[in-house]
Amino acid sequence: MKGFIMTAPVDATQTLAWSRLTELFHRFNADFRARFADDPARAERYSRKAADLFVDLSKNYIDEDILAALLQLAEQTGITTRRAAMFAGEHINVTEDRAVPTRPCAVPPKTTSSSTARTSSGTSTKSSTGSTPSPRRYARGSGAA
């Protein structure tokens, strides 16, 4: 994907999917008690888990038609292409003509040695090779750096 020139984002409100979502929103029956009574598997069907993240969309304005229209909106606005470009380090921030710096921030660096530090409360924190160091708060005037 190197060398890919990112174009300005598509205005989502000008897509067919947005029109469809607007229509579905105005028809949506927000009686969630009835939705759960009519569909006992609703919570399971509209929940997702990825690593430690759990998302429950069942208590939101969503049904199969809305989910399909949201996926269509993602397709019509080029989300997949933009996500791939972001992870490739491409310049997708068209307003500032630069790459988005979120990827390096997403995963904290690993430590390479064992160290112990005192926090402001006087407790010790230890980080070892291959672990993510915990935040360190040093007591004022302790001379710790």
Protein backbone atom coordinates (compact mmCIF):
# COMPACT_ATOMS: atom_id res chain seq x y z
CA MET A 1 0.00 0.00 0.00
CA LYS A 2 3.10 2.24 0.09
CA GLY A 3 2.78 5.24 -2.17
CA PHE A 4 -1.00 5.25 -1.89
CA ILE A 5 -2.39 8.79 -2.07
CA MET A 6 -5.21 9.25 0.42
CA THR A 7 -8.10 11.31 -0.86
CA ALA A 8 -10.34 13.47 1.28
CA PRO A 9 -12.84 11.46 3.33
CA VAL A 10 -16.22 10.69 1.81
CA ASP A 11 -19.04 12.70 3.36
CA ALA A 12 -21.00 9.88 4.98
CA THR A 13 -24.20 11.94 5.01
CA GLN A 14 -24.18 11.96 1.20
CA THR A 15 -24.20 8.16 0.82
CA LEU A 16 -27.10 5.84 0.04
CA ALA A 17 -26.36 3.97 3.27
CA TRP A 18 -26.86 7.16 5.30
CA SER A 19 -30.24 7.70 3.66
CA ARG A 20 -31.15 4.12 4.51
CA LEU A 21 -30.00 4.56 8.14
CA THR A 22 -32.10 7.73 8.45
CA GLU A 23 -35.13 5.88 7.16
CA LEU A 24 -34.53 2.95 9.53
CA PHE A 25 -34.05 5.29 12.50
CA HIS A 26 -37.44 6.93 11.94
CA ARG A 27 -39.15 3.52 11.77
CA PHE A 28 -37.30 1.97 14.71
CA ASN A 29 -39.48 0.85 17.62
CA ALA A 30 -37.47 1.69 20.74
CA ASP A 31 -39.50 -0.58 23.03
CA PHE A 32 -36.50 -2.57 24.23
CA ARG A 33 -38.54 -4.64 26.71
CA ALA A 34 -40.57 -5.94 23.77
CA ARG A 35 -37.44 -6.46 21.66
CA PHE A 36 -35.83 -8.60 24.38
CA ALA A 37 -39.09 -10.47 25.04
CA ASP A 38 -39.51 -11.21 21.31
CA ASP A 39 -35.85 -12.13 20.89
CA PRO A 40 -34.28 -13.86 23.93
CA ALA A 41 -30.94 -14.21 22.06
CA ARG A 42 -30.70 -10.45 21.35
CA ALA A 43 -27.95 -9.79 23.92
CA GLU A 44 -25.84 -12.67 22.60
CA ARG A 45 -26.35 -11.77 18.93
CA TYR A 46 -25.43 -8.09 19.34
CA SER A 47 -22.46 -8.58 21.66
CA ARG A 48 -18.86 -8.81 20.53
CA LYS A 49 -15.64 -9.69 22.30
CA ALA A 50 -12.12 -8.94 21.10
CA ALA A 51 -9.28 -9.69 23.54
CA ASP A 52 -10.28 -7.95 26.79
CA LEU A 53 -12.88 -5.71 25.14
CA PHE A 54 -16.55 -6.65 25.45
CA VAL A 55 -19.18 -4.60 23.61
CA ASP A 56 -22.92 -5.10 24.12
CA LEU A 57 -24.94 -3.33 21.44
CA SER A 58 -28.22 -5.06 22.31
CA LYS A 59 -29.51 -2.08 24.30
CA ASN A 60 -28.97 0.28 21.38
CA TYR A 61 -30.94 1.26 18.30
CA ILE A 62 -29.83 -1.75 16.29
CA ASP A 63 -31.41 -4.63 14.43
CA GLU A 64 -30.37 -6.70 11.42
CA ASP A 65 -31.40 -4.02 8.91
CA ILE A 66 -29.51 -1.28 10.79
CA LEU A 67 -26.43 -3.48 11.16
CA ALA A 68 -26.47 -4.20 7.41
CA ALA A 69 -26.83 -0.46 6.65
CA LEU A 70 -23.92 0.37 9.01
CA LEU A 71 -21.72 -2.16 7.21
CA GLN A 72 -22.82 -0.68 3.89
CA LEU A 73 -21.91 2.80 5.20
CA ALA A 74 -18.44 1.55 6.16
CA GLU A 75 -18.01 0.15 2.65
CA GLN A 76 -19.28 3.31 0.93
CA THR A 77 -16.95 5.54 2.95
CA GLY A 78 -13.85 3.37 2.41
CA ILE A 79 -13.26 2.44 6.05
CA THR A 80 -11.39 -0.79 5.23
CA THR A 81 -9.01 0.97 2.85
CA ARG A 82 -8.39 3.80 5.33
CA ARG A 83 -7.80 1.37 8.20
CA ALA A 84 -5.26 -0.57 6.13
CA ALA A 85 -3.54 2.70 5.15
CA MET A 86 -3.41 3.81 8.80
CA PHE A 87 -1.76 0.57 9.91
CA ALA A 88 0.68 0.83 7.00
CA GLY A 89 1.75 4.28 8.25
CA GLU A 90 0.38 6.13 5.24
CA HIS A 91 -0.54 9.81 5.38
CA ILE A 92 -4.26 9.50 5.99
CA ASN A 93 -4.68 12.73 7.92
CA VAL A 94 -5.45 14.81 4.84
CA THR A 95 -6.05 18.04 6.76
CA GLU A 96 -2.50 17.99 8.20
CA ASP A 97 -0.88 15.88 5.44
CA ARG A 98 0.66 13.35 7.81
CA ALA A 99 0.32 9.82 9.11
CA VAL A 100 -1.91 9.21 12.09
CA PRO A 101 0.29 8.65 15.16
CA THR A 102 -2.11 6.28 16.96
CA ARG A 103 -0.48 2.99 15.99
CA PRO A 104 2.80 3.51 17.88
CA CYS A 105 0.78 4.60 20.91
CA ALA A 106 -1.48 1.54 20.85
CA VAL A 107 1.04 -0.92 22.24
CA PRO A 108 3.32 0.19 25.09
CA PRO A 109 7.00 -0.65 24.68
CA LYS A 110 8.36 -3.65 26.55
CA THR A 111 11.08 -3.20 29.14
CA THR A 112 14.43 -4.85 28.58
CA SER A 113 15.75 -5.10 32.13
CA SER A 114 14.58 -5.53 35.68
CA SER A 115 14.23 -2.42 37.80
CA THR A 116 12.65 -1.38 41.08
CA ALA A 117 11.36 2.09 41.92
CA ARG A 118 9.66 3.72 44.91
CA THR A 119 6.30 5.38 44.38
CA SER A 120 5.14 8.48 46.24
CA SER A 121 3.33 6.21 48.71
CA GLY A 122 6.63 4.44 49.49
CA THR A 123 5.71 1.13 47.89
CA SER A 124 8.02 -0.60 45.47
CA THR A 125 7.14 -1.27 41.87
CA LYS A 126 9.14 -3.79 39.91
CA SER A 127 9.21 -4.30 36.20
CA SER A 128 11.03 -7.16 34.58
CA THR A 129 12.07 -8.13 31.08
CA GLY A 130 9.10 -8.52 28.75
CA SER A 131 6.57 -6.77 30.95
CA THR A 132 4.97 -3.38 30.65
CA PRO A 133 6.30 -1.07 33.37
CA SER A 134 3.76 0.33 35.77
CA PRO A 135 3.51 4.13 36.11
CA ARG A 136 6.04 5.44 38.59
CA ARG A 137 5.38 8.33 40.94
CA TYR A 138 8.39 9.37 42.93
CA ALA A 139 8.24 11.12 46.29
CA ARG A 140 9.26 14.76 46.22
CA GLY A 141 12.77 15.34 47.40
CA SER A 142 13.56 11.65 47.54
CA GLY A 143 16.34 12.07 45.02
CA ALA A 144 14.88 9.26 42.91
CA ALA A 145 14.96 9.88 39.21
